[in-house]
Amino acid sequence: MSRQSPRHARTNAPILSGGAEGNTRLTATLGLLLIVILFVEGITILQVGSLLTLHVFVGMLVLPVVVAKMGATSWRFVKYYWGSPEYRRKGPPPTLLRLLGPFVVVLTLAVITTGVLLIVIAPRSLHPQLLQLHQITFVLWFGATALHVLGHLLETAKVAPLDWVRRTRRDVMGASMRQWLEVGSVLAGVVVAMWITPYAGHWQFFSH
C-alpha cells in the first residue's frame, strides 16, 4: 500500500517561501508582530516625555520587522504582476487596500526617518521643524495604518498562527525558515534598538 505524501511534499513551491501560501503566512505573522510592537509604541506616545527612552527603543525595534514585511508584500506584488500562476490564482488584495498600501509604506518610512533624524543625526537647530514633521506624518500614518490593519485583521488572526501550530505547520513547505526569518527580524530589531537608544539620553528637546 502506497503512503499518501503530505501536502507540503507534493507542492512545487520553493522551500524558503512555500509559494503563495507561504508568503501569505509570512506576511500575516509579520503583520501580527507589527500590530503588537506598534501597540506598545502607541502607549509610549501617551507620555512620551517620561517614556522617551522606551519610545525610541520600540521605534527602532520595529525597523527590521517593517523591512521584512515590506519585502514579503513586495515579493507578492512582483510575482502577481509577473504572472506567476499560483499568485494569480490567489488573487490580489482588495482594491482599497492595494491603493492604500503605497501610502502606508511612504508614511511608515517618513515617521521612522524623521524619528531617527531627531535622535541621532539632525542638529539641535532643526529639532522643532523635524518634531513637527514627525508628528504630522505620524497622524497621517496612524490613519492609513488603522484602515490597513482593519482590512487585514481577520485574515491576519486566522493565518498568522498556522506556522506555529503543529497540526498545520507542515501543510506548507518552509515553516521553519519562515519562523527563523520572523524571529530573526525581531532579534535584529533588538540589536538596532540597543545601538540607537543610547542617543536618546542626549536628546534634550523635551526637557526644554
N, C-alpha and C. Protein backbone atom coordinates (compact mmCIF):
# COMPACT_ATOMS: atom_id res chain seq x y z
N MET A 1 0.85 -1.20 0.00
CA MET A 1 0.00 0.00 0.00
C MET A 1 0.88 1.24 0.00
N SER A 2 0.64 2.11 -0.94
CA SER A 2 1.44 3.34 -1.01
C SER A 2 0.96 4.34 0.01
N ARG A 3 1.91 5.04 0.59
CA ARG A 3 1.59 6.07 1.58
C ARG A 3 1.32 7.37 0.89
N GLN A 4 0.32 8.08 1.37
CA GLN A 4 -0.01 9.38 0.78
C GLN A 4 0.97 10.42 1.26
N SER A 5 1.58 11.14 0.34
CA SER A 5 2.55 12.17 0.70
C SER A 5 1.83 13.34 1.33
N PRO A 6 2.44 13.96 2.34
CA PRO A 6 1.83 15.14 2.93
C PRO A 6 1.77 16.27 1.91
N ARG A 7 0.86 17.17 2.15
CA ARG A 7 0.64 18.26 1.19
C ARG A 7 1.90 19.06 0.93
N HIS A 8 2.69 19.27 2.00
CA HIS A 8 3.87 20.09 1.80
C HIS A 8 4.92 19.39 0.94
N ALA A 9 4.85 18.06 0.82
CA ALA A 9 5.81 17.36 -0.02
C ALA A 9 5.36 17.34 -1.48
N ARG A 10 4.08 17.54 -1.74
CA ARG A 10 3.56 17.49 -3.10
C ARG A 10 3.70 18.81 -3.83
N THR A 11 3.81 19.90 -3.07
CA THR A 11 3.84 21.21 -3.71
C THR A 11 5.16 21.46 -4.42
N ASN A 12 5.15 22.23 -5.48
CA ASN A 12 6.36 22.60 -6.18
C ASN A 12 6.91 23.93 -5.71
N ALA A 13 6.34 24.48 -4.63
CA ALA A 13 6.74 25.80 -4.16
C ALA A 13 8.15 25.75 -3.59
N PRO A 14 8.92 26.85 -3.68
CA PRO A 14 10.25 26.91 -3.09
C PRO A 14 10.20 26.66 -1.59
N ILE A 15 11.25 26.03 -1.07
CA ILE A 15 11.26 25.67 0.35
C ILE A 15 11.21 26.91 1.22
N LEU A 16 11.94 27.96 0.83
CA LEU A 16 12.01 29.14 1.69
C LEU A 16 10.65 29.81 1.87
N SER A 17 9.92 29.98 0.77
CA SER A 17 8.69 30.76 0.84
C SER A 17 7.44 29.92 0.96
N GLY A 18 7.49 28.66 0.45
CA GLY A 18 6.25 27.88 0.42
C GLY A 18 5.29 28.41 -0.61
N GLY A 19 5.80 29.16 -1.59
CA GLY A 19 4.93 29.68 -2.63
C GLY A 19 3.99 30.77 -2.12
N ALA A 20 2.87 30.91 -2.79
CA ALA A 20 1.92 31.96 -2.46
C ALA A 20 1.36 31.78 -1.05
N GLU A 21 1.08 30.53 -0.68
CA GLU A 21 0.53 30.29 0.66
C GLU A 21 1.57 30.57 1.74
N GLY A 22 2.83 30.20 1.47
CA GLY A 22 3.89 30.52 2.42
C GLY A 22 4.08 32.02 2.57
N ASN A 23 3.99 32.74 1.46
CA ASN A 23 4.10 34.20 1.51
C ASN A 23 2.96 34.80 2.34
N THR A 24 1.76 34.23 2.20
CA THR A 24 0.62 34.72 2.98
C THR A 24 0.85 34.50 4.47
N ARG A 25 1.38 33.34 4.82
CA ARG A 25 1.66 33.05 6.23
C ARG A 25 2.74 33.98 6.79
N LEU A 26 3.79 34.17 6.01
CA LEU A 26 4.87 35.06 6.46
C LEU A 26 4.37 36.48 6.64
N THR A 27 3.62 36.97 5.66
CA THR A 27 3.10 38.33 5.73
C THR A 27 2.17 38.51 6.93
N ALA A 28 1.33 37.51 7.19
CA ALA A 28 0.38 37.60 8.29
C ALA A 28 1.10 37.62 9.64
N THR A 29 2.11 36.75 9.79
CA THR A 29 2.83 36.71 11.06
C THR A 29 3.61 37.99 11.31
N LEU A 30 4.28 38.50 10.28
CA LEU A 30 4.99 39.77 10.43
C LEU A 30 4.00 40.89 10.72
N GLY A 31 2.83 40.85 10.09
CA GLY A 31 1.81 41.85 10.37
C GLY A 31 1.35 41.81 11.82
N LEU A 32 1.19 40.60 12.35
CA LEU A 32 0.79 40.47 13.76
C LEU A 32 1.87 41.00 14.69
N LEU A 33 3.13 40.72 14.37
CA LEU A 33 4.23 41.26 15.16
C LEU A 33 4.21 42.79 15.15
N LEU A 34 3.96 43.37 13.99
CA LEU A 34 3.91 44.83 13.89
C LEU A 34 2.77 45.40 14.71
N ILE A 35 1.62 44.74 14.69
CA ILE A 35 0.48 45.22 15.47
C ILE A 35 0.84 45.27 16.96
N VAL A 36 1.47 44.22 17.45
CA VAL A 36 1.84 44.16 18.87
C VAL A 36 2.88 45.22 19.21
N ILE A 37 3.93 45.31 18.39
CA ILE A 37 5.01 46.27 18.67
C ILE A 37 4.49 47.70 18.59
N LEU A 38 3.69 47.99 17.58
CA LEU A 38 3.19 49.35 17.42
C LEU A 38 2.15 49.70 18.47
N PHE A 39 1.47 48.71 19.01
CA PHE A 39 0.56 48.97 20.13
C PHE A 39 1.36 49.47 21.34
N VAL A 40 2.48 48.81 21.61
CA VAL A 40 3.35 49.25 22.71
C VAL A 40 3.88 50.65 22.42
N GLU A 41 4.28 50.89 21.17
CA GLU A 41 4.77 52.23 20.80
C GLU A 41 3.68 53.29 21.01
N GLY A 42 2.45 52.93 20.70
CA GLY A 42 1.35 53.87 20.91
C GLY A 42 1.16 54.23 22.37
N ILE A 43 1.38 53.26 23.26
CA ILE A 43 1.27 53.52 24.70
C ILE A 43 2.33 54.53 25.14
N THR A 44 3.54 54.40 24.60
CA THR A 44 4.61 55.33 25.00
C THR A 44 4.31 56.75 24.55
N ILE A 45 3.54 56.90 23.47
CA ILE A 45 3.22 58.25 22.98
C ILE A 45 2.37 59.02 23.98
N LEU A 46 1.59 58.30 24.78
CA LEU A 46 0.72 58.97 25.74
C LEU A 46 1.52 59.79 26.75
N GLN A 47 2.75 59.34 27.06
CA GLN A 47 3.62 60.09 27.97
C GLN A 47 5.04 60.05 27.42
N VAL A 48 5.19 60.56 26.21
CA VAL A 48 6.47 60.41 25.53
C VAL A 48 7.59 61.16 26.25
N GLY A 49 7.27 62.22 26.99
CA GLY A 49 8.31 62.94 27.71
C GLY A 49 9.02 62.07 28.73
N SER A 50 8.24 61.30 29.51
CA SER A 50 8.83 60.44 30.53
C SER A 50 9.19 59.06 30.00
N LEU A 51 8.63 58.70 28.84
CA LEU A 51 8.88 57.37 28.26
C LEU A 51 9.68 57.48 26.96
N LEU A 52 10.47 58.53 26.83
CA LEU A 52 11.19 58.77 25.59
C LEU A 52 12.13 57.62 25.26
N THR A 53 12.86 57.12 26.26
CA THR A 53 13.81 56.04 26.00
C THR A 53 13.10 54.79 25.49
N LEU A 54 11.99 54.43 26.12
CA LEU A 54 11.21 53.28 25.67
C LEU A 54 10.62 53.54 24.28
N HIS A 55 10.18 54.78 24.05
CA HIS A 55 9.62 55.16 22.75
C HIS A 55 10.64 54.95 21.64
N VAL A 56 11.87 55.37 21.89
CA VAL A 56 12.93 55.22 20.90
C VAL A 56 13.28 53.74 20.73
N PHE A 57 13.37 53.02 21.82
CA PHE A 57 13.73 51.60 21.75
C PHE A 57 12.72 50.82 20.90
N VAL A 58 11.44 51.02 21.17
CA VAL A 58 10.41 50.30 20.42
C VAL A 58 10.39 50.76 18.97
N GLY A 59 10.60 52.07 18.76
CA GLY A 59 10.62 52.59 17.40
C GLY A 59 11.73 52.00 16.56
N MET A 60 12.88 51.74 17.19
CA MET A 60 13.99 51.11 16.47
C MET A 60 13.80 49.60 16.36
N LEU A 61 13.19 49.01 17.37
CA LEU A 61 12.91 47.58 17.35
C LEU A 61 12.06 47.18 16.15
N VAL A 62 11.16 48.07 15.76
CA VAL A 62 10.21 47.74 14.70
C VAL A 62 10.85 47.79 13.30
N LEU A 63 12.00 48.43 13.17
CA LEU A 63 12.59 48.67 11.85
C LEU A 63 12.80 47.39 11.02
N PRO A 64 13.54 46.40 11.51
CA PRO A 64 13.74 45.20 10.69
C PRO A 64 12.46 44.44 10.40
N VAL A 65 11.50 44.49 11.31
CA VAL A 65 10.22 43.82 11.08
C VAL A 65 9.49 44.51 9.93
N VAL A 66 9.54 45.84 9.91
CA VAL A 66 8.93 46.60 8.81
C VAL A 66 9.60 46.24 7.48
N VAL A 67 10.93 46.17 7.48
CA VAL A 67 11.66 45.82 6.25
C VAL A 67 11.26 44.43 5.76
N ALA A 68 11.18 43.47 6.69
CA ALA A 68 10.79 42.11 6.31
C ALA A 68 9.38 42.08 5.76
N LYS A 69 8.48 42.83 6.40
CA LYS A 69 7.08 42.86 5.94
C LYS A 69 6.99 43.48 4.54
N MET A 70 7.71 44.58 4.32
CA MET A 70 7.72 45.20 3.00
C MET A 70 8.29 44.25 1.95
N GLY A 71 9.33 43.51 2.33
CA GLY A 71 9.91 42.55 1.41
C GLY A 71 8.93 41.46 1.01
N ALA A 72 8.17 40.95 2.00
CA ALA A 72 7.20 39.89 1.72
C ALA A 72 6.06 40.39 0.83
N THR A 73 5.56 41.57 1.12
CA THR A 73 4.45 42.10 0.32
C THR A 73 4.94 42.50 -1.08
N SER A 74 6.16 43.01 -1.17
CA SER A 74 6.71 43.37 -2.48
C SER A 74 6.91 42.13 -3.34
N TRP A 75 7.33 41.04 -2.71
CA TRP A 75 7.51 39.79 -3.43
C TRP A 75 6.18 39.31 -4.01
N ARG A 76 5.11 39.40 -3.23
CA ARG A 76 3.79 39.01 -3.73
C ARG A 76 3.38 39.91 -4.90
N PHE A 77 3.64 41.21 -4.76
CA PHE A 77 3.31 42.16 -5.82
C PHE A 77 4.02 41.79 -7.12
N VAL A 78 5.33 41.54 -7.02
CA VAL A 78 6.13 41.22 -8.21
C VAL A 78 5.65 39.91 -8.83
N LYS A 79 5.47 38.87 -8.01
CA LYS A 79 5.07 37.57 -8.54
C LYS A 79 3.69 37.65 -9.20
N TYR A 80 2.79 38.42 -8.61
CA TYR A 80 1.45 38.54 -9.18
C TYR A 80 1.50 39.22 -10.54
N TYR A 81 2.19 40.35 -10.64
CA TYR A 81 2.19 41.11 -11.88
C TYR A 81 3.14 40.54 -12.93
N TRP A 82 4.01 39.63 -12.52
CA TRP A 82 4.82 38.90 -13.49
C TRP A 82 4.10 37.66 -14.00
N GLY A 83 2.93 37.41 -13.46
CA GLY A 83 2.10 36.34 -13.99
C GLY A 83 2.32 34.98 -13.40
N SER A 84 2.89 34.89 -12.19
CA SER A 84 3.06 33.59 -11.54
C SER A 84 1.69 32.93 -11.37
N PRO A 85 1.48 31.70 -11.88
CA PRO A 85 0.15 31.09 -11.85
C PRO A 85 -0.45 30.97 -10.45
N GLU A 86 0.36 30.53 -9.45
CA GLU A 86 -0.22 30.35 -8.11
C GLU A 86 -0.55 31.67 -7.45
N TYR A 87 0.24 32.70 -7.72
CA TYR A 87 -0.08 34.02 -7.17
C TYR A 87 -1.28 34.63 -7.89
N ARG A 88 -1.41 34.34 -9.18
CA ARG A 88 -2.58 34.82 -9.91
C ARG A 88 -3.85 34.13 -9.42
N ARG A 89 -3.73 32.82 -9.13
CA ARG A 89 -4.89 32.10 -8.60
C ARG A 89 -5.30 32.65 -7.24
N LYS A 90 -4.32 33.01 -6.44
CA LYS A 90 -4.63 33.55 -5.11
C LYS A 90 -5.28 34.92 -5.22
N GLY A 91 -4.92 35.65 -6.26
CA GLY A 91 -5.55 36.95 -6.50
C GLY A 91 -4.90 38.07 -5.72
N PRO A 92 -5.19 39.32 -6.11
CA PRO A 92 -4.63 40.49 -5.44
C PRO A 92 -5.43 40.84 -4.19
N PRO A 93 -4.89 41.69 -3.32
CA PRO A 93 -5.68 42.19 -2.19
C PRO A 93 -6.85 43.03 -2.71
N PRO A 94 -7.84 43.31 -1.87
CA PRO A 94 -8.93 44.19 -2.29
C PRO A 94 -8.41 45.53 -2.81
N THR A 95 -9.14 46.12 -3.72
CA THR A 95 -8.69 47.34 -4.40
C THR A 95 -8.33 48.45 -3.43
N LEU A 96 -9.18 48.69 -2.42
CA LEU A 96 -8.90 49.77 -1.46
C LEU A 96 -7.58 49.56 -0.75
N LEU A 97 -7.30 48.31 -0.35
CA LEU A 97 -6.06 48.02 0.36
C LEU A 97 -4.85 48.15 -0.58
N ARG A 98 -5.05 47.80 -1.86
CA ARG A 98 -3.95 47.99 -2.82
C ARG A 98 -3.63 49.47 -3.00
N LEU A 99 -4.66 50.30 -3.06
CA LEU A 99 -4.45 51.74 -3.22
C LEU A 99 -3.85 52.34 -1.95
N LEU A 100 -4.21 51.78 -0.80
CA LEU A 100 -3.74 52.31 0.47
C LEU A 100 -2.30 51.89 0.75
N GLY A 101 -1.88 50.75 0.22
CA GLY A 101 -0.56 50.20 0.51
C GLY A 101 0.60 51.16 0.31
N PRO A 102 0.73 51.82 -0.86
CA PRO A 102 1.85 52.74 -1.07
C PRO A 102 1.88 53.89 -0.06
N PHE A 103 0.70 54.38 0.34
CA PHE A 103 0.66 55.46 1.33
C PHE A 103 1.17 54.96 2.69
N VAL A 104 0.80 53.74 3.05
CA VAL A 104 1.28 53.17 4.32
C VAL A 104 2.79 53.03 4.29
N VAL A 105 3.34 52.57 3.18
CA VAL A 105 4.79 52.39 3.05
C VAL A 105 5.51 53.73 3.16
N VAL A 106 5.06 54.71 2.38
CA VAL A 106 5.72 56.02 2.37
C VAL A 106 5.63 56.69 3.74
N LEU A 107 4.46 56.64 4.35
CA LEU A 107 4.28 57.29 5.66
C LEU A 107 5.06 56.55 6.75
N THR A 108 5.15 55.23 6.66
CA THR A 108 5.95 54.47 7.62
C THR A 108 7.41 54.90 7.54
N LEU A 109 7.94 54.99 6.32
CA LEU A 109 9.32 55.42 6.14
C LEU A 109 9.52 56.85 6.62
N ALA A 110 8.51 57.70 6.40
CA ALA A 110 8.62 59.10 6.84
C ALA A 110 8.67 59.21 8.35
N VAL A 111 7.80 58.48 9.03
CA VAL A 111 7.78 58.51 10.50
C VAL A 111 9.10 58.01 11.07
N ILE A 112 9.58 56.88 10.54
CA ILE A 112 10.83 56.30 11.05
C ILE A 112 12.01 57.20 10.75
N THR A 113 12.07 57.75 9.53
CA THR A 113 13.20 58.59 9.14
C THR A 113 13.27 59.86 9.97
N THR A 114 12.14 60.53 10.17
CA THR A 114 12.16 61.75 10.98
C THR A 114 12.52 61.43 12.43
N GLY A 115 12.09 60.27 12.92
CA GLY A 115 12.45 59.88 14.28
C GLY A 115 13.93 59.65 14.44
N VAL A 116 14.53 58.94 13.47
CA VAL A 116 15.97 58.69 13.52
C VAL A 116 16.76 60.00 13.40
N LEU A 117 16.31 60.88 12.51
CA LEU A 117 16.98 62.18 12.37
C LEU A 117 16.94 62.97 13.67
N LEU A 118 15.81 62.95 14.32
CA LEU A 118 15.67 63.68 15.58
C LEU A 118 16.64 63.17 16.64
N ILE A 119 16.79 61.85 16.72
CA ILE A 119 17.56 61.26 17.80
C ILE A 119 19.06 61.28 17.51
N VAL A 120 19.44 60.99 16.28
CA VAL A 120 20.84 60.69 16.00
C VAL A 120 21.56 61.75 15.17
N ILE A 121 20.93 62.26 14.12
CA ILE A 121 21.67 62.96 13.09
C ILE A 121 21.49 64.47 13.12
N ALA A 122 20.25 64.94 13.18
CA ALA A 122 19.96 66.35 12.94
C ALA A 122 20.54 67.25 14.03
N PRO A 123 21.04 68.42 13.66
CA PRO A 123 21.48 69.38 14.66
C PRO A 123 20.30 69.92 15.46
N ARG A 124 20.60 70.40 16.65
CA ARG A 124 19.53 70.84 17.55
C ARG A 124 18.68 71.95 16.93
N SER A 125 19.25 72.77 16.08
CA SER A 125 18.51 73.88 15.49
C SER A 125 17.35 73.40 14.62
N LEU A 126 17.43 72.15 14.12
CA LEU A 126 16.38 71.61 13.26
C LEU A 126 15.36 70.78 14.02
N HIS A 127 15.56 70.60 15.33
CA HIS A 127 14.66 69.75 16.10
C HIS A 127 13.21 70.20 16.07
N PRO A 128 12.91 71.49 16.22
CA PRO A 128 11.48 71.89 16.21
C PRO A 128 10.78 71.54 14.90
N GLN A 129 11.46 71.81 13.76
CA GLN A 129 10.85 71.52 12.47
C GLN A 129 10.68 70.00 12.27
N LEU A 130 11.71 69.26 12.65
CA LEU A 130 11.64 67.80 12.49
C LEU A 130 10.60 67.19 13.41
N LEU A 131 10.50 67.72 14.62
CA LEU A 131 9.50 67.21 15.55
C LEU A 131 8.10 67.44 15.00
N GLN A 132 7.86 68.62 14.44
CA GLN A 132 6.55 68.91 13.85
C GLN A 132 6.27 67.97 12.67
N LEU A 133 7.28 67.76 11.83
CA LEU A 133 7.11 66.85 10.69
C LEU A 133 6.88 65.42 11.17
N HIS A 134 7.58 65.02 12.20
CA HIS A 134 7.41 63.68 12.78
C HIS A 134 5.98 63.50 13.29
N GLN A 135 5.46 64.52 13.95
CA GLN A 135 4.10 64.44 14.49
C GLN A 135 3.05 64.41 13.38
N ILE A 136 3.25 65.24 12.36
CA ILE A 136 2.28 65.29 11.25
C ILE A 136 2.25 63.96 10.50
N THR A 137 3.45 63.44 10.17
CA THR A 137 3.49 62.18 9.44
C THR A 137 2.95 61.04 10.30
N PHE A 138 3.15 61.13 11.61
CA PHE A 138 2.60 60.09 12.48
C PHE A 138 1.07 60.07 12.43
N VAL A 139 0.45 61.25 12.49
CA VAL A 139 -1.01 61.32 12.46
C VAL A 139 -1.54 60.74 11.15
N LEU A 140 -0.90 61.13 10.02
CA LEU A 140 -1.32 60.59 8.72
C LEU A 140 -1.08 59.08 8.66
N TRP A 141 0.09 58.67 9.16
CA TRP A 141 0.41 57.24 9.17
C TRP A 141 -0.57 56.44 10.01
N PHE A 142 -0.94 56.99 11.16
CA PHE A 142 -1.86 56.27 12.05
C PHE A 142 -3.20 56.03 11.36
N GLY A 143 -3.71 57.06 10.68
CA GLY A 143 -4.98 56.90 9.98
C GLY A 143 -4.91 55.86 8.87
N ALA A 144 -3.86 55.94 8.04
CA ALA A 144 -3.71 54.98 6.95
C ALA A 144 -3.48 53.57 7.46
N THR A 145 -2.65 53.45 8.50
CA THR A 145 -2.34 52.12 9.04
C THR A 145 -3.55 51.51 9.73
N ALA A 146 -4.35 52.33 10.40
CA ALA A 146 -5.55 51.80 11.06
C ALA A 146 -6.48 51.17 10.04
N LEU A 147 -6.68 51.83 8.91
CA LEU A 147 -7.51 51.25 7.85
C LEU A 147 -6.89 49.98 7.29
N HIS A 148 -5.57 50.01 7.11
CA HIS A 148 -4.85 48.85 6.59
C HIS A 148 -4.99 47.65 7.53
N VAL A 149 -4.81 47.90 8.82
CA VAL A 149 -4.92 46.82 9.81
C VAL A 149 -6.33 46.26 9.87
N LEU A 150 -7.32 47.13 9.88
CA LEU A 150 -8.70 46.67 9.93
C LEU A 150 -9.05 45.82 8.70
N GLY A 151 -8.50 46.22 7.54
CA GLY A 151 -8.77 45.48 6.31
C GLY A 151 -8.18 44.08 6.31
N HIS A 152 -7.08 43.90 7.06
CA HIS A 152 -6.40 42.60 7.08
C HIS A 152 -6.56 41.85 8.40
N LEU A 153 -7.29 42.42 9.35
CA LEU A 153 -7.28 41.89 10.72
C LEU A 153 -7.78 40.46 10.80
N LEU A 154 -8.89 40.16 10.15
CA LEU A 154 -9.45 38.81 10.23
C LEU A 154 -8.52 37.79 9.60
N GLU A 155 -7.99 38.12 8.42
CA GLU A 155 -7.06 37.20 7.75
C GLU A 155 -5.80 37.01 8.59
N THR A 156 -5.29 38.10 9.16
CA THR A 156 -4.08 38.01 9.97
C THR A 156 -4.29 37.12 11.18
N ALA A 157 -5.40 37.31 11.88
CA ALA A 157 -5.69 36.50 13.05
C ALA A 157 -5.85 35.02 12.71
N LYS A 158 -6.37 34.75 11.52
CA LYS A 158 -6.60 33.37 11.10
C LYS A 158 -5.32 32.69 10.61
N VAL A 159 -4.50 33.43 9.85
CA VAL A 159 -3.36 32.82 9.17
C VAL A 159 -2.07 32.85 9.99
N ALA A 160 -1.85 33.91 10.77
CA ALA A 160 -0.58 34.10 11.47
C ALA A 160 -0.16 32.90 12.34
N PRO A 161 -1.08 32.23 13.05
CA PRO A 161 -0.65 31.12 13.91
C PRO A 161 -0.33 29.82 13.18
N LEU A 162 -0.64 29.71 11.89
CA LEU A 162 -0.60 28.41 11.22
C LEU A 162 0.79 27.77 11.22
N ASP A 163 1.84 28.58 11.05
CA ASP A 163 3.20 28.02 11.07
C ASP A 163 3.65 27.65 12.47
N TRP A 164 2.93 28.08 13.49
CA TRP A 164 3.34 27.84 14.87
C TRP A 164 2.50 26.77 15.55
N VAL A 165 1.56 26.22 14.83
CA VAL A 165 0.72 25.15 15.35
C VAL A 165 1.14 23.84 14.69
N ARG A 166 1.40 22.84 15.49
CA ARG A 166 1.95 21.58 14.97
C ARG A 166 1.04 20.95 13.92
N ARG A 167 -0.24 21.06 14.10
CA ARG A 167 -1.19 20.40 13.20
C ARG A 167 -1.18 21.02 11.81
N THR A 168 -0.87 22.30 11.70
CA THR A 168 -0.97 22.99 10.40
C THR A 168 0.38 23.43 9.83
N ARG A 169 1.44 23.42 10.61
CA ARG A 169 2.71 23.97 10.13
C ARG A 169 3.28 23.18 8.96
N ARG A 170 2.99 21.87 8.88
CA ARG A 170 3.55 21.04 7.82
C ARG A 170 2.71 21.07 6.54
N ASP A 171 1.61 21.77 6.55
CA ASP A 171 0.78 21.84 5.35
C ASP A 171 1.45 22.61 4.21
N VAL A 172 2.37 23.50 4.58
CA VAL A 172 3.04 24.33 3.58
C VAL A 172 4.54 24.28 3.84
N MET A 173 5.31 24.09 2.79
CA MET A 173 6.76 24.00 2.94
C MET A 173 7.36 25.28 3.52
N GLY A 174 8.48 25.12 4.20
CA GLY A 174 9.27 26.27 4.62
C GLY A 174 8.87 26.91 5.92
N ALA A 175 8.07 26.21 6.76
CA ALA A 175 7.61 26.81 8.01
C ALA A 175 8.79 27.20 8.91
N SER A 176 9.79 26.31 8.99
CA SER A 176 10.94 26.60 9.87
C SER A 176 11.71 27.82 9.38
N MET A 177 11.89 27.92 8.05
CA MET A 177 12.61 29.07 7.51
C MET A 177 11.85 30.37 7.75
N ARG A 178 10.53 30.29 7.62
CA ARG A 178 9.73 31.50 7.89
C ARG A 178 9.82 31.88 9.36
N GLN A 179 9.81 30.90 10.23
CA GLN A 179 9.94 31.19 11.67
C GLN A 179 11.28 31.84 11.98
N TRP A 180 12.36 31.30 11.39
CA TRP A 180 13.67 31.90 11.61
C TRP A 180 13.72 33.34 11.11
N LEU A 181 13.07 33.60 9.99
CA LEU A 181 13.04 34.96 9.45
C LEU A 181 12.28 35.89 10.39
N GLU A 182 11.16 35.43 10.91
CA GLU A 182 10.35 36.24 11.81
C GLU A 182 11.07 36.52 13.13
N VAL A 183 11.64 35.47 13.72
CA VAL A 183 12.38 35.65 14.97
C VAL A 183 13.63 36.49 14.71
N GLY A 184 14.30 36.24 13.58
CA GLY A 184 15.50 37.00 13.25
C GLY A 184 15.23 38.48 13.08
N SER A 185 14.08 38.82 12.51
CA SER A 185 13.76 40.25 12.34
C SER A 185 13.58 40.93 13.68
N VAL A 186 13.00 40.21 14.64
CA VAL A 186 12.84 40.78 15.98
C VAL A 186 14.19 40.92 16.67
N LEU A 187 15.04 39.90 16.57
CA LEU A 187 16.37 39.96 17.19
C LEU A 187 17.21 41.07 16.56
N ALA A 188 17.10 41.21 15.25
CA ALA A 188 17.81 42.31 14.58
C ALA A 188 17.29 43.66 15.09
N GLY A 189 15.97 43.72 15.33
CA GLY A 189 15.40 44.95 15.88
C GLY A 189 15.95 45.27 17.26
N VAL A 190 16.15 44.25 18.07
CA VAL A 190 16.73 44.46 19.40
C VAL A 190 18.14 45.03 19.28
N VAL A 191 18.93 44.49 18.34
CA VAL A 191 20.30 44.98 18.14
C VAL A 191 20.27 46.44 17.71
N VAL A 192 19.42 46.76 16.74
CA VAL A 192 19.31 48.16 16.26
C VAL A 192 18.87 49.07 17.40
N ALA A 193 17.89 48.62 18.17
CA ALA A 193 17.38 49.43 19.27
C ALA A 193 18.46 49.68 20.33
N MET A 194 19.24 48.65 20.64
CA MET A 194 20.31 48.81 21.64
C MET A 194 21.41 49.73 21.13
N TRP A 195 21.57 49.79 19.81
CA TRP A 195 22.58 50.67 19.22
C TRP A 195 22.12 52.12 19.22
N ILE A 196 20.85 52.37 18.87
CA ILE A 196 20.37 53.73 18.68
C ILE A 196 19.86 54.35 19.99
N THR A 197 19.22 53.57 20.84
CA THR A 197 18.54 54.12 22.03
C THR A 197 19.45 54.96 22.92
N PRO A 198 20.72 54.60 23.14
CA PRO A 198 21.56 55.46 24.00
C PRO A 198 21.62 56.91 23.56
N TYR A 199 21.42 57.17 22.27
CA TYR A 199 21.42 58.56 21.80
C TYR A 199 20.25 59.34 22.37
N ALA A 200 19.18 58.65 22.76
CA ALA A 200 18.01 59.35 23.31
C ALA A 200 18.34 60.04 24.62
N GLY A 201 19.31 59.50 25.35
CA GLY A 201 19.70 60.12 26.61
C GLY A 201 20.33 61.48 26.43
N HIS A 202 20.83 61.76 25.24
CA HIS A 202 21.47 63.05 24.97
C HIS A 202 20.53 64.03 24.25
N TRP A 203 19.31 63.58 24.03
CA TRP A 203 18.36 64.43 23.30
C TRP A 203 17.55 65.23 24.31
N GLN A 204 17.75 66.53 24.37
CA GLN A 204 17.20 67.34 25.44
C GLN A 204 16.01 68.19 25.03
N PHE A 205 15.45 67.94 23.84
CA PHE A 205 14.39 68.85 23.35
C PHE A 205 13.22 68.90 24.31
N PHE A 206 12.76 67.72 24.77
CA PHE A 206 11.59 67.70 25.64
C PHE A 206 11.83 68.37 26.98
N SER A 207 13.07 68.35 27.44
CA SER A 207 13.36 68.95 28.73
C SER A 207 13.24 70.46 28.67
N HIS A 208 13.25 71.04 27.45
CA HIS A 208 13.11 72.49 27.31
C HIS A 208 11.66 72.90 27.12
